[in-house]
Amino acid sequence: MKVFVTGGAGYIGSICVEELLNAGHQVTVFDNLSEGHRMAVDERAQFIEGCLSDRETILNAVAADQSEAVMHFAAFAQVGESMTDPSKYFRNNVANGINLLDAAVEAGVKKFIFSSTAATYGMPDTGPITEQEPQKPINPYGESKLMFETILKWYRELHGLEFVAFRYFNAAGCSEKLGEERRVETHLIPNVLRVALAQKKECRIFGTDYPTPDGTCIRDYIHIVDLAQAHILALESGKCGFYNLGNGEGYSVREVIETCRQVSGKPIPAIEEARRDGDPARLIAGSQKAIDELGWKPRYATLEQIVDSAWRWHSAHPNGYSS
């Protein structure tokens, strides 16, 4: 298929592009490079530098590309920033996304695949979290993603645009060629590995008194290549709806740090600090729907596999794409 990918220079988007190309699809990447990296765009893909806020540009780009499917990764995703600058998140994640949806409808695109988030669930009371869990986001980032999910349902009903929206838990790890480098890094694994690379003195543990076996928060980590494979499966005609993507297994902050020590062979000092506001004790995905309906199955499900792939990329690229 011909696939038009927005945000294809970012962490998740670039690796999805790589996997799409490996599977034989043709790919056009559309990215303004505000968060992504030109070096992360696979050389086999066509690249267009542009911004979704420019309505005419995106309408023309999708029409000219004649793609059969759109994958949309171009969103701002910093929870803390969304609390201080909500306008930025609603303008980009909602209003600019509507420009892309309109472009897809006008160009006759048949399938739209959306990068959503488990942040739409807010602070769930149960676990594992299934798609039936009430969605009650607690920050503008999660709210902006939920708003776009609602818009997708209306575009399906009114325009016949088939969509799949994936609610990610914690995407992690790297491919052989591509990795994780952000303007502001908030993810645990790359921050811990920066200590192993002697780029930071220590990592921080926020809260050690949670009702978990070792007192630290538990999160569900999914390998980025497994996540990309779900997007490829979603291209099949007839697949439509909302799907969680996670391993169904949780690992604590202490377990992640210890695994990073074992994989890297470095000591990695850690300091303990108070809890952060809004951090639930445990977030684990119920992904059975994706397994049953898409035929998806994680291939790199262990924390050791995820951390090993990340360590190999970060140790080979200590300064990210600039190296």
C-alpha atoms as a PDB file:
ATOM      1  CA  MET A   1       0.000   0.000   0.000  1.00  0.00           C
ATOM      2  CA  LYS A   2       0.889   3.667  -0.240  1.00  0.00           C
ATOM      3  CA  VAL A   3       0.932   5.109   3.282  1.00  0.00           C
ATOM      4  CA  PHE A   4       1.151   8.797   4.236  1.00  0.00           C
ATOM      5  CA  VAL A   5       2.807   9.158   7.669  1.00  0.00           C
ATOM      6  CA  THR A   6       2.688  12.363   9.699  1.00  0.00           C
ATOM      7  CA  GLY A   7       5.287  12.701  12.438  1.00  0.00           C
ATOM      8  CA  GLY A   8       7.417  10.120  10.656  1.00  0.00           C
ATOM      9  CA  ALA A   9      10.654  11.760  11.843  1.00  0.00           C
ATOM     10  CA  GLY A  10       9.807  11.212  15.519  1.00  0.00           C
ATOM     11  CA  TYR A  11      10.628   8.247  17.743  1.00  0.00           C
ATOM     12  CA  ILE A  12       7.512   6.135  17.182  1.00  0.00           C
ATOM     13  CA  GLY A  13       6.746   7.400  13.689  1.00  0.00           C
ATOM     14  CA  SER A  14      10.238   6.796  12.288  1.00  0.00           C
ATOM     15  CA  ILE A  15      10.360   3.178  13.439  1.00  0.00           C
ATOM     16  CA  CYS A  16       6.851   2.556  12.117  1.00  0.00           C
ATOM     17  CA  VAL A  17       8.039   3.964   8.777  1.00  0.00           C
ATOM     18  CA  GLU A  18      11.045   1.645   8.834  1.00  0.00           C
ATOM     19  CA  GLU A  19       8.826  -1.380   9.502  1.00  0.00           C
ATOM     20  CA  LEU A  20       6.301  -0.345   6.838  1.00  0.00           C
ATOM     21  CA  LEU A  21       9.087  -0.154   4.263  1.00  0.00           C
ATOM     22  CA  ASN A  22      10.505  -3.493   5.394  1.00  0.00           C
ATOM     23  CA  ALA A  23       7.043  -4.975   4.811  1.00  0.00           C
ATOM     24  CA  GLY A  24       6.998  -3.705   1.227  1.00  0.00           C
ATOM     25  CA  HIS A  25       4.786  -0.638   1.573  1.00  0.00           C
ATOM     26  CA  GLN A  26       5.496   2.737  -0.065  1.00  0.00           C
ATOM     27  CA  VAL A  27       5.768   5.595   2.429  1.00  0.00           C
ATOM     28  CA  THR A  28       5.628   9.379   2.340  1.00  0.00           C
ATOM     29  CA  VAL A  29       6.687  11.141   5.558  1.00  0.00           C
ATOM     30  CA  PHE A  30       5.246  14.560   6.435  1.00  0.00           C
ATOM     31  CA  ASP A  31       6.949  16.269   9.387  1.00  0.00           C
ATOM     32  CA  ASN A  32       7.869  19.811  10.440  1.00  0.00           C
ATOM     33  CA  LEU A  33      10.949  18.542  12.353  1.00  0.00           C
ATOM     34  CA  SER A  34      10.000  20.506  15.493  1.00  0.00           C
ATOM     35  CA  GLU A  35      10.396  17.335  17.553  1.00  0.00           C
ATOM     36  CA  GLY A  36      11.660  14.775  15.050  1.00  0.00           C
ATOM     37  CA  HIS A  37      14.982  14.358  13.258  1.00  0.00           C
ATOM     38  CA  ARG A  38      15.641  14.393   9.528  1.00  0.00           C
ATOM     39  CA  MET A  39      18.278  11.689  10.058  1.00  0.00           C
ATOM     40  CA  ALA A  40      15.582   9.423  11.511  1.00  0.00           C
ATOM     41  CA  VAL A  41      13.630   9.328   8.243  1.00  0.00           C
ATOM     42  CA  ASP A  42      14.384   6.127   6.345  1.00  0.00           C
ATOM     43  CA  GLU A  43      16.100   6.957   3.057  1.00  0.00           C
ATOM     44  CA  ARG A  44      13.630   4.728   1.201  1.00  0.00           C
ATOM     45  CA  ALA A  45      10.728   7.045   2.131  1.00  0.00           C
ATOM     46  CA  GLN A  46       9.714  10.231   0.369  1.00  0.00           C
ATOM     47  CA  PHE A  47      10.010  13.201   2.736  1.00  0.00           C
ATOM     48  CA  ILE A  48       7.935  16.392   2.819  1.00  0.00           C
ATOM     49  CA  GLU A  49       8.792  19.078   5.360  1.00  0.00           C
ATOM     50  CA  GLY A  50       5.607  20.826   6.368  1.00  0.00           C
ATOM     51  CA  CYS A  51       3.236  21.626   9.229  1.00  0.00           C
ATOM     52  CA  LEU A  52      -0.311  20.400   9.743  1.00  0.00           C
ATOM     53  CA  SER A  53      -1.315  23.921  10.759  1.00  0.00           C
ATOM     54  CA  ASP A  54      -0.916  24.913   7.090  1.00  0.00           C
ATOM     55  CA  ARG A  55      -4.244  23.620   5.835  1.00  0.00           C
ATOM     56  CA  GLU A  56      -3.625  24.151   2.119  1.00  0.00           C
ATOM     57  CA  THR A  57      -0.228  22.453   2.284  1.00  0.00           C
ATOM     58  CA  ILE A  58      -1.562  19.301   3.910  1.00  0.00           C
ATOM     59  CA  LEU A  59      -4.640  19.175   1.641  1.00  0.00           C
ATOM     60  CA  ASN A  60      -2.403  19.385  -1.421  1.00  0.00           C
ATOM     61  CA  ALA A  61       0.207  16.950  -0.073  1.00  0.00           C
ATOM     62  CA  VAL A  62      -2.289  14.164   0.687  1.00  0.00           C
ATOM     63  CA  ALA A  63      -4.124  14.688  -2.602  1.00  0.00           C
ATOM     64  CA  ALA A  64      -0.906  14.559  -4.634  1.00  0.00           C
ATOM     65  CA  ASP A  65       0.383  11.493  -2.815  1.00  0.00           C
ATOM     66  CA  GLN A  66      -2.665   9.385  -3.687  1.00  0.00           C
ATOM     67  CA  SER A  67      -2.139   7.310  -0.549  1.00  0.00           C
ATOM     68  CA  GLU A  68      -4.496   4.537   0.458  1.00  0.00           C
ATOM     69  CA  ALA A  69      -3.886   5.021   4.188  1.00  0.00           C
ATOM     70  CA  VAL A  70      -2.760   7.716   6.635  1.00  0.00           C
ATOM     71  CA  MET A  71      -0.867   7.087   9.873  1.00  0.00           C
ATOM     72  CA  HIS A  72      -0.946  10.058  12.228  1.00  0.00           C
ATOM     73  CA  PHE A  73       1.871  10.415  14.804  1.00  0.00           C
ATOM     74  CA  ALA A  74       2.314  14.205  14.707  1.00  0.00           C
ATOM     75  CA  ALA A  75       1.281  15.241  18.217  1.00  0.00           C
ATOM     76  CA  PHE A  76       2.806  16.985  21.194  1.00  0.00           C
ATOM     77  CA  ALA A  77       3.124  14.496  24.050  1.00  0.00           C
ATOM     78  CA  GLN A  78       4.601  16.149  27.158  1.00  0.00           C
ATOM     79  CA  VAL A  79       2.087  15.815  29.984  1.00  0.00           C
ATOM     80  CA  GLY A  80       3.721  18.487  32.142  1.00  0.00           C
ATOM     81  CA  GLU A  81       3.943  20.969  29.287  1.00  0.00           C
ATOM     82  CA  SER A  82       0.273  20.405  28.490  1.00  0.00           C
ATOM     83  CA  MET A  83      -0.580  21.593  32.004  1.00  0.00           C
ATOM     84  CA  THR A  84       1.272  24.888  31.502  1.00  0.00           C
ATOM     85  CA  ASP A  85       0.439  25.467  27.822  1.00  0.00           C
ATOM     86  CA  PRO A  86      -2.894  23.762  27.054  1.00  0.00           C
ATOM     87  CA  SER A  87      -3.463  25.948  23.995  1.00  0.00           C
ATOM     88  CA  LYS A  88      -0.432  24.406  22.287  1.00  0.00           C
ATOM     89  CA  TYR A  89      -1.857  20.920  22.798  1.00  0.00           C
ATOM     90  CA  PHE A  90      -5.422  21.605  21.704  1.00  0.00           C
ATOM     91  CA  ARG A  91      -4.277  23.567  18.640  1.00  0.00           C
ATOM     92  CA  ASN A  92      -1.850  20.915  17.428  1.00  0.00           C
ATOM     93  CA  ASN A  93      -3.374  17.671  18.646  1.00  0.00           C
ATOM     94  CA  VAL A  94      -6.965  18.584  17.772  1.00  0.00           C
ATOM     95  CA  ALA A  95      -7.253  21.516  15.348  1.00  0.00           C
ATOM     96  CA  ASN A  96      -4.256  20.561  13.200  1.00  0.00           C
ATOM     97  CA  GLY A  97      -5.390  16.955  13.251  1.00  0.00           C
ATOM     98  CA  ILE A  98      -8.719  18.021  11.751  1.00  0.00           C
ATOM     99  CA  ASN A  99      -6.798  19.511   8.814  1.00  0.00           C
ATOM    100  CA  LEU A 100      -5.279  16.077   8.222  1.00  0.00           C
ATOM    101  CA  LEU A 101      -8.639  14.314   8.540  1.00  0.00           C
ATOM    102  CA  ASP A 102     -10.194  16.690   6.012  1.00  0.00           C
ATOM    103  CA  ALA A 103      -7.281  16.098   3.656  1.00  0.00           C
ATOM    104  CA  ALA A 104      -7.794  12.342   3.954  1.00  0.00           C
ATOM    105  CA  VAL A 105     -11.528  12.609   3.233  1.00  0.00           C
ATOM    106  CA  GLU A 106     -11.023  14.936   0.248  1.00  0.00           C
ATOM    107  CA  ALA A 107      -8.358  12.649  -1.222  1.00  0.00           C
ATOM    108  CA  GLY A 108     -10.499   9.535  -0.837  1.00  0.00           C
ATOM    109  CA  VAL A 109      -8.203   7.846   1.694  1.00  0.00           C
ATOM    110  CA  LYS A 110      -9.808   4.632   2.961  1.00  0.00           C
ATOM    111  CA  LYS A 111      -7.961   4.028   6.263  1.00  0.00           C
ATOM    112  CA  PHE A 112      -6.766   6.363   9.027  1.00  0.00           C
ATOM    113  CA  ILE A 113      -4.560   5.005  11.835  1.00  0.00           C
ATOM    114  CA  PHE A 114      -4.163   7.220  14.887  1.00  0.00           C
ATOM    115  CA  SER A 115      -1.491   7.271  17.571  1.00  0.00           C
ATOM    116  CA  SER A 116      -3.537   7.716  20.762  1.00  0.00           C
ATOM    117  CA  THR A 117      -2.541   7.095  24.369  1.00  0.00           C
ATOM    118  CA  ALA A 118      -3.441   5.356  27.611  1.00  0.00           C
ATOM    119  CA  ALA A 119      -3.525   8.869  29.108  1.00  0.00           C
ATOM    120  CA  THR A 120      -7.156   9.022  27.961  1.00  0.00           C
ATOM    121  CA  TYR A 121      -7.984   6.678  30.873  1.00  0.00           C
ATOM    122  CA  GLY A 122      -6.678   9.069  33.512  1.00  0.00           C
ATOM    123  CA  MET A 123      -6.362   7.375  36.909  1.00  0.00           C
ATOM    124  CA  PRO A 124      -8.127   4.019  36.436  1.00  0.00           C
ATOM    125  CA  ASP A 125      -9.256   2.052  39.468  1.00  0.00           C
ATOM    126  CA  THR A 126      -8.762  -1.392  37.945  1.00  0.00           C
ATOM    127  CA  GLY A 127      -6.162  -3.363  36.037  1.00  0.00           C
ATOM    128  CA  PRO A 128      -5.333  -4.666  33.557  1.00  0.00           C
ATOM    129  CA  ILE A 129      -7.041  -1.777  31.754  1.00  0.00           C
ATOM    130  CA  THR A 130      -9.327  -2.797  28.904  1.00  0.00           C
ATOM    131  CA  GLU A 131     -10.925  -0.658  26.213  1.00  0.00           C
ATOM    132  CA  GLN A 132     -14.135  -0.653  28.267  1.00  0.00           C
ATOM    133  CA  GLU A 133     -12.491   1.309  31.094  1.00  0.00           C
ATOM    134  CA  PRO A 134     -14.081   4.787  31.465  1.00  0.00           C
ATOM    135  CA  GLN A 135     -11.967   7.497  29.861  1.00  0.00           C
ATOM    136  CA  LYS A 136     -11.350  10.333  32.319  1.00  0.00           C
ATOM    137  CA  PRO A 137      -8.140  12.169  31.356  1.00  0.00           C
ATOM    138  CA  ILE A 138      -6.496  14.292  34.025  1.00  0.00           C
ATOM    139  CA  ASN A 139      -4.397  16.569  31.802  1.00  0.00           C
ATOM    140  CA  PRO A 140      -4.822  18.490  28.517  1.00  0.00           C
ATOM    141  CA  TYR A 141      -2.586  16.016  26.685  1.00  0.00           C
ATOM    142  CA  GLY A 142      -4.885  13.078  27.438  1.00  0.00           C
ATOM    143  CA  GLU A 143      -7.953  15.250  26.841  1.00  0.00           C
ATOM    144  CA  SER A 144      -6.675  16.336  23.421  1.00  0.00           C
ATOM    145  CA  LYS A 145      -6.200  12.709  22.378  1.00  0.00           C
ATOM    146  CA  LEU A 146      -9.665  11.761  23.628  1.00  0.00           C
ATOM    147  CA  MET A 147     -11.179  14.674  21.715  1.00  0.00           C
ATOM    148  CA  PHE A 148      -9.553  13.465  18.524  1.00  0.00           C
ATOM    149  CA  GLU A 149     -10.804   9.925  19.164  1.00  0.00           C
ATOM    150  CA  THR A 150     -14.348  11.343  19.347  1.00  0.00           C
ATOM    151  CA  ILE A 151     -13.825  13.230  16.103  1.00  0.00           C
ATOM    152  CA  LEU A 152     -12.672  10.007  14.431  1.00  0.00           C
ATOM    153  CA  LYS A 153     -15.944   8.317  15.367  1.00  0.00           C
ATOM    154  CA  TRP A 154     -17.934  11.116  13.718  1.00  0.00           C
ATOM    155  CA  TYR A 155     -15.793  11.045  10.569  1.00  0.00           C
ATOM    156  CA  ARG A 156     -16.390   7.291  10.381  1.00  0.00           C
ATOM    157  CA  GLU A 157     -20.144   7.790  10.689  1.00  0.00           C
ATOM    158  CA  LEU A 158     -20.460  10.810   8.399  1.00  0.00           C
ATOM    159  CA  HIS A 159     -17.685  10.258   5.844  1.00  0.00           C
ATOM    160  CA  GLY A 160     -17.154   6.488   5.976  1.00  0.00           C
ATOM    161  CA  LEU A 161     -13.488   6.901   6.958  1.00  0.00           C
ATOM    162  CA  GLU A 162     -12.335   3.618   8.468  1.00  0.00           C
ATOM    163  CA  PHE A 163     -10.054   4.201  11.451  1.00  0.00           C
ATOM    164  CA  VAL A 164      -7.961   2.384  14.020  1.00  0.00           C
ATOM    165  CA  ALA A 165      -6.844   4.267  17.147  1.00  0.00           C
ATOM    166  CA  PHE A 166      -4.116   2.696  19.273  1.00  0.00           C
ATOM    167  CA  ARG A 167      -3.904   3.618  22.946  1.00  0.00           C
ATOM    168  CA  TYR A 168      -0.227   3.127  23.775  1.00  0.00           C
ATOM    169  CA  PHE A 169       1.041   2.381  27.221  1.00  0.00           C
ATOM    170  CA  ASN A 170       4.851   2.850  27.467  1.00  0.00           C
ATOM    171  CA  ALA A 171       6.578   2.516  24.111  1.00  0.00           C
ATOM    172  CA  ALA A 172      10.234   1.645  24.696  1.00  0.00           C
ATOM    173  CA  GLY A 173      13.299   0.147  23.081  1.00  0.00           C
ATOM    174  CA  CYS A 174      14.858   0.783  19.682  1.00  0.00           C
ATOM    175  CA  SER A 175      15.234  -0.869  16.308  1.00  0.00           C
ATOM    176  CA  GLU A 176      18.655  -1.792  14.935  1.00  0.00           C
ATOM    177  CA  LYS A 177      18.899   1.525  13.056  1.00  0.00           C
ATOM    178  CA  LEU A 178      16.623   3.976  14.838  1.00  0.00           C
ATOM    179  CA  GLY A 179      16.194   5.084  18.423  1.00  0.00           C
ATOM    180  CA  GLU A 180      14.731   7.496  20.924  1.00  0.00           C
ATOM    181  CA  GLU A 181      15.884  11.104  21.131  1.00  0.00           C
ATOM    182  CA  ARG A 182      13.591  13.901  22.285  1.00  0.00           C
ATOM    183  CA  ARG A 183      13.955  17.602  22.920  1.00  0.00           C
ATOM    184  CA  VAL A 184      12.835  16.938  26.510  1.00  0.00           C
ATOM    185  CA  GLU A 185      13.239  13.309  27.592  1.00  0.00           C
ATOM    186  CA  THR A 186      10.742  12.161  30.202  1.00  0.00           C
ATOM    187  CA  HIS A 187      10.788   8.395  29.583  1.00  0.00           C
ATOM    188  CA  LEU A 188      12.360   6.256  32.273  1.00  0.00           C
ATOM    189  CA  ILE A 189      14.535   3.862  30.258  1.00  0.00           C
ATOM    190  CA  PRO A 190      16.485   6.443  28.189  1.00  0.00           C
ATOM    191  CA  ASN A 191      16.944   8.614  31.273  1.00  0.00           C
ATOM    192  CA  VAL A 192      18.360   5.680  33.256  1.00  0.00           C
ATOM    193  CA  LEU A 193      20.644   4.742  30.368  1.00  0.00           C
ATOM    194  CA  ARG A 194      22.004   8.288  30.295  1.00  0.00           C
ATOM    195  CA  VAL A 195      23.449   7.546  33.733  1.00  0.00           C
ATOM    196  CA  ALA A 196      25.059   4.374  32.343  1.00  0.00           C
ATOM    197  CA  LEU A 197      26.571   6.541  29.592  1.00  0.00           C
ATOM    198  CA  ALA A 198      27.956   8.950  32.237  1.00  0.00           C
ATOM    199  CA  GLN A 199      25.784  11.763  30.866  1.00  0.00           C
ATOM    200  CA  LYS A 200      23.970  12.115  34.204  1.00  0.00           C
ATOM    201  CA  LYS A 201      25.171  11.465  37.755  1.00  0.00           C
ATOM    202  CA  GLU A 202      22.129   9.535  38.903  1.00  0.00           C
ATOM    203  CA  CYS A 203      18.563   8.642  38.065  1.00  0.00           C
ATOM    204  CA  ARG A 204      15.587   9.542  40.251  1.00  0.00           C
ATOM    205  CA  ILE A 205      12.841   7.407  41.754  1.00  0.00           C
ATOM    206  CA  PHE A 206       9.687   9.411  42.421  1.00  0.00           C
ATOM    207  CA  GLY A 207       7.865   7.719  45.281  1.00  0.00           C
ATOM    208  CA  THR A 208       8.811   4.570  47.162  1.00  0.00           C
ATOM    209  CA  ASP A 209       5.662   4.138  49.261  1.00  0.00           C
ATOM    210  CA  TYR A 210       3.168   2.946  46.641  1.00  0.00           C
ATOM    211  CA  PRO A 211       1.082  -0.197  47.333  1.00  0.00           C
ATOM    212  CA  THR A 212       3.311  -2.329  45.080  1.00  0.00           C
ATOM    213  CA  PRO A 213       5.780  -5.121  45.949  1.00  0.00           C
ATOM    214  CA  ASP A 214       8.799  -2.801  46.083  1.00  0.00           C
ATOM    215  CA  GLY A 215       6.990   0.483  46.739  1.00  0.00           C
ATOM    216  CA  THR A 216       7.625   2.018  43.304  1.00  0.00           C
ATOM    217  CA  CYS A 217       5.223   2.584  40.411  1.00  0.00           C
ATOM    218  CA  ILE A 218       4.543  -0.253  37.984  1.00  0.00           C
ATOM    219  CA  ARG A 219       4.201   0.375  34.264  1.00  0.00           C
ATOM    220  CA  ASP A 220       3.574  -1.721  31.141  1.00  0.00           C
ATOM    221  CA  TYR A 221       6.393  -1.427  28.560  1.00  0.00           C
ATOM    222  CA  ILE A 222       5.904  -2.365  24.907  1.00  0.00           C
ATOM    223  CA  HIS A 223       8.768  -2.749  22.436  1.00  0.00           C
ATOM    224  CA  ILE A 224       8.613  -0.141  19.701  1.00  0.00           C
ATOM    225  CA  VAL A 225       8.930  -2.759  16.941  1.00  0.00           C
ATOM    226  CA  ASP A 226       5.976  -4.708  18.361  1.00  0.00           C
ATOM    227  CA  LEU A 227       4.009  -1.478  18.415  1.00  0.00           C
ATOM    228  CA  ALA A 228       4.919  -0.819  14.768  1.00  0.00           C
ATOM    229  CA  GLN A 229       3.757  -4.293  13.761  1.00  0.00           C
ATOM    230  CA  ALA A 230       0.297  -3.565  15.194  1.00  0.00           C
ATOM    231  CA  HIS A 231       0.039  -0.543  12.905  1.00  0.00           C
ATOM    232  CA  ILE A 232       0.855  -2.669   9.881  1.00  0.00           C
ATOM    233  CA  LEU A 233      -1.811  -5.222  10.827  1.00  0.00           C
ATOM    234  CA  ALA A 234      -4.326  -2.379  11.202  1.00  0.00           C
ATOM    235  CA  LEU A 235      -3.976  -1.538   7.495  1.00  0.00           C
ATOM    236  CA  GLU A 236      -6.136  -4.513   6.597  1.00  0.00           C
ATOM    237  CA  SER A 237      -9.565  -3.502   5.305  1.00  0.00           C
ATOM    238  CA  GLY A 238     -12.358  -3.982   7.804  1.00  0.00           C
ATOM    239  CA  LYS A 239     -10.233  -3.402  10.908  1.00  0.00           C
ATOM    240  CA  CYS A 240     -11.776  -0.500  12.800  1.00  0.00           C
ATOM    241  CA  GLY A 241     -11.997   0.756  16.368  1.00  0.00           C
ATOM    242  CA  PHE A 242      -9.957   1.403  19.499  1.00  0.00           C
ATOM    243  CA  TYR A 243      -7.185  -0.877  20.751  1.00  0.00           C
ATOM    244  CA  ASN A 244      -4.830  -0.874  23.731  1.00  0.00           C
ATOM    245  CA  LEU A 245      -1.206  -1.734  23.011  1.00  0.00           C
ATOM    246  CA  GLY A 246       0.883  -3.114  25.847  1.00  0.00           C
ATOM    247  CA  ASN A 247       2.455  -6.368  27.008  1.00  0.00           C
ATOM    248  CA  GLY A 248       0.005  -7.073  29.795  1.00  0.00           C
ATOM    249  CA  GLU A 249       2.981  -7.293  32.166  1.00  0.00           C
ATOM    250  CA  GLY A 250       4.103  -4.602  34.549  1.00  0.00           C
ATOM    251  CA  TYR A 251       7.571  -3.680  35.789  1.00  0.00           C
ATOM    252  CA  SER A 252       8.389  -1.385  38.678  1.00  0.00           C
ATOM    253  CA  VAL A 253      10.750   1.561  38.538  1.00  0.00           C
ATOM    254  CA  ARG A 254      13.264  -0.369  40.630  1.00  0.00           C
ATOM    255  CA  GLU A 255      13.024  -3.367  38.276  1.00  0.00           C
ATOM    256  CA  VAL A 256      13.681  -1.152  35.261  1.00  0.00           C
ATOM    257  CA  ILE A 257      16.739   0.421  36.900  1.00  0.00           C
ATOM    258  CA  GLU A 258      18.115  -2.970  37.938  1.00  0.00           C
ATOM    259  CA  THR A 259      17.598  -4.376  34.431  1.00  0.00           C
ATOM    260  CA  CYS A 260      19.446  -1.371  32.990  1.00  0.00           C
ATOM    261  CA  ARG A 261      22.328  -2.108  35.387  1.00  0.00           C
ATOM    262  CA  GLN A 262      22.472  -5.746  34.318  1.00  0.00           C
ATOM    263  CA  VAL A 263      22.241  -5.051  30.588  1.00  0.00           C
ATOM    264  CA  SER A 264      24.727  -2.165  30.559  1.00  0.00           C
ATOM    265  CA  GLY A 265      27.115  -3.566  33.172  1.00  0.00           C
ATOM    266  CA  LYS A 266      27.162  -0.115  34.823  1.00  0.00           C
ATOM    267  CA  PRO A 267      26.345   0.693  38.481  1.00  0.00           C
ATOM    268  CA  ILE A 268      23.682   3.433  37.796  1.00  0.00           C
ATOM    269  CA  PRO A 269      23.172   5.256  41.129  1.00  0.00           C
ATOM    270  CA  ALA A 270      19.572   6.158  41.986  1.00  0.00           C
ATOM    271  CA  ILE A 271      18.181   8.693  44.441  1.00  0.00           C
ATOM    272  CA  GLU A 272      14.742   8.512  46.030  1.00  0.00           C
ATOM    273  CA  GLU A 273      12.396  11.499  45.993  1.00  0.00           C
ATOM    274  CA  ALA A 274       8.787  12.238  46.917  1.00  0.00           C
ATOM    275  CA  ARG A 275       5.892  11.123  44.764  1.00  0.00           C
ATOM    276  CA  ARG A 276       4.855  13.236  41.802  1.00  0.00           C
ATOM    277  CA  ASP A 277       1.253  14.424  41.643  1.00  0.00           C
ATOM    278  CA  GLY A 278      -0.926  12.341  39.359  1.00  0.00           C
ATOM    279  CA  ASP A 279       1.197   9.188  39.196  1.00  0.00           C
ATOM    280  CA  PRO A 280      -0.993   6.076  39.596  1.00  0.00           C
ATOM    281  CA  ALA A 281       0.591   3.137  41.391  1.00  0.00           C
ATOM    282  CA  ARG A 282      -0.012   0.655  38.585  1.00  0.00           C
ATOM    283  CA  LEU A 283      -0.851   0.933  34.867  1.00  0.00           C
ATOM    284  CA  ILE A 284      -1.036  -2.339  32.941  1.00  0.00           C
ATOM    285  CA  ALA A 285      -2.662  -2.831  29.551  1.00  0.00           C
ATOM    286  CA  GLY A 286      -5.309  -5.320  28.661  1.00  0.00           C
ATOM    287  CA  SER A 287      -4.442  -5.890  24.981  1.00  0.00           C
ATOM    288  CA  GLN A 288      -6.505  -9.002  24.292  1.00  0.00           C
ATOM    289  CA  LYS A 289      -8.699  -7.134  21.810  1.00  0.00           C
ATOM    290  CA  ALA A 290      -5.692  -6.369  19.566  1.00  0.00           C
ATOM    291  CA  ILE A 291      -4.560  -9.994  19.865  1.00  0.00           C
ATOM    292  CA  ASP A 292      -7.995 -11.383  18.983  1.00  0.00           C
ATOM    293  CA  GLU A 293      -9.092  -8.944  16.288  1.00  0.00           C
ATOM    294  CA  LEU A 294      -5.801  -7.930  14.645  1.00  0.00           C
ATOM    295  CA  GLY A 295      -3.843 -11.151  15.140  1.00  0.00           C
ATOM    296  CA  TRP A 296      -1.163  -9.162  16.958  1.00  0.00           C
ATOM    297  CA  LYS A 297       1.339 -10.757  19.307  1.00  0.00           C
ATOM    298  CA  PRO A 298       4.347  -9.051  20.936  1.00  0.00           C
ATOM    299  CA  ARG A 299       7.630 -10.680  19.893  1.00  0.00           C
ATOM    300  CA  TYR A 300       9.907  -8.757  22.293  1.00  0.00           C
ATOM    301  CA  ALA A 301       7.880  -8.979  25.465  1.00  0.00           C
ATOM    302  CA  THR A 302      10.518  -9.173  28.197  1.00  0.00           C
ATOM    303  CA  LEU A 303      11.991  -6.145  29.908  1.00  0.00           C
ATOM    304  CA  GLU A 304      15.489  -7.499  29.176  1.00  0.00           C
ATOM    305  CA  GLN A 305      14.804  -7.514  25.415  1.00  0.00           C
ATOM    306  CA  ILE A 306      13.424  -3.999  25.508  1.00  0.00           C
ATOM    307  CA  VAL A 307      16.301  -2.571  27.547  1.00  0.00           C
ATOM    308  CA  ASP A 308      18.918  -4.450  25.528  1.00  0.00           C
ATOM    309  CA  SER A 309      17.679  -2.939  22.265  1.00  0.00           C
ATOM    310  CA  ALA A 310      17.682   0.526  23.826  1.00  0.00           C
ATOM    311  CA  TRP A 311      21.169   0.114  25.300  1.00  0.00           C
ATOM    312  CA  ARG A 312      22.640  -1.052  21.991  1.00  0.00           C
ATOM    313  CA  TRP A 313      21.263   1.993  20.172  1.00  0.00           C
ATOM    314  CA  HIS A 314      22.080   4.576  22.854  1.00  0.00           C
ATOM    315  CA  SER A 315      25.596   3.248  23.417  1.00  0.00           C
ATOM    316  CA  ALA A 316      26.216   3.396  19.643  1.00  0.00           C
ATOM    317  CA  HIS A 317      24.628   6.883  19.439  1.00  0.00           C
ATOM    318  CA  PRO A 318      25.521   8.566  22.763  1.00  0.00           C
ATOM    319  CA  ASN A 319      24.610  11.983  21.373  1.00  0.00           C
ATOM    320  CA  GLY A 320      21.509  10.773  19.554  1.00  0.00           C
ATOM    321  CA  TYR A 321      21.132  11.575  15.885  1.00  0.00           C
ATOM    322  CA  SER A 322      23.731  14.331  16.092  1.00  0.00           C
ATOM    323  CA  SER A 323      26.370  11.618  16.528  1.00  0.00           C
END
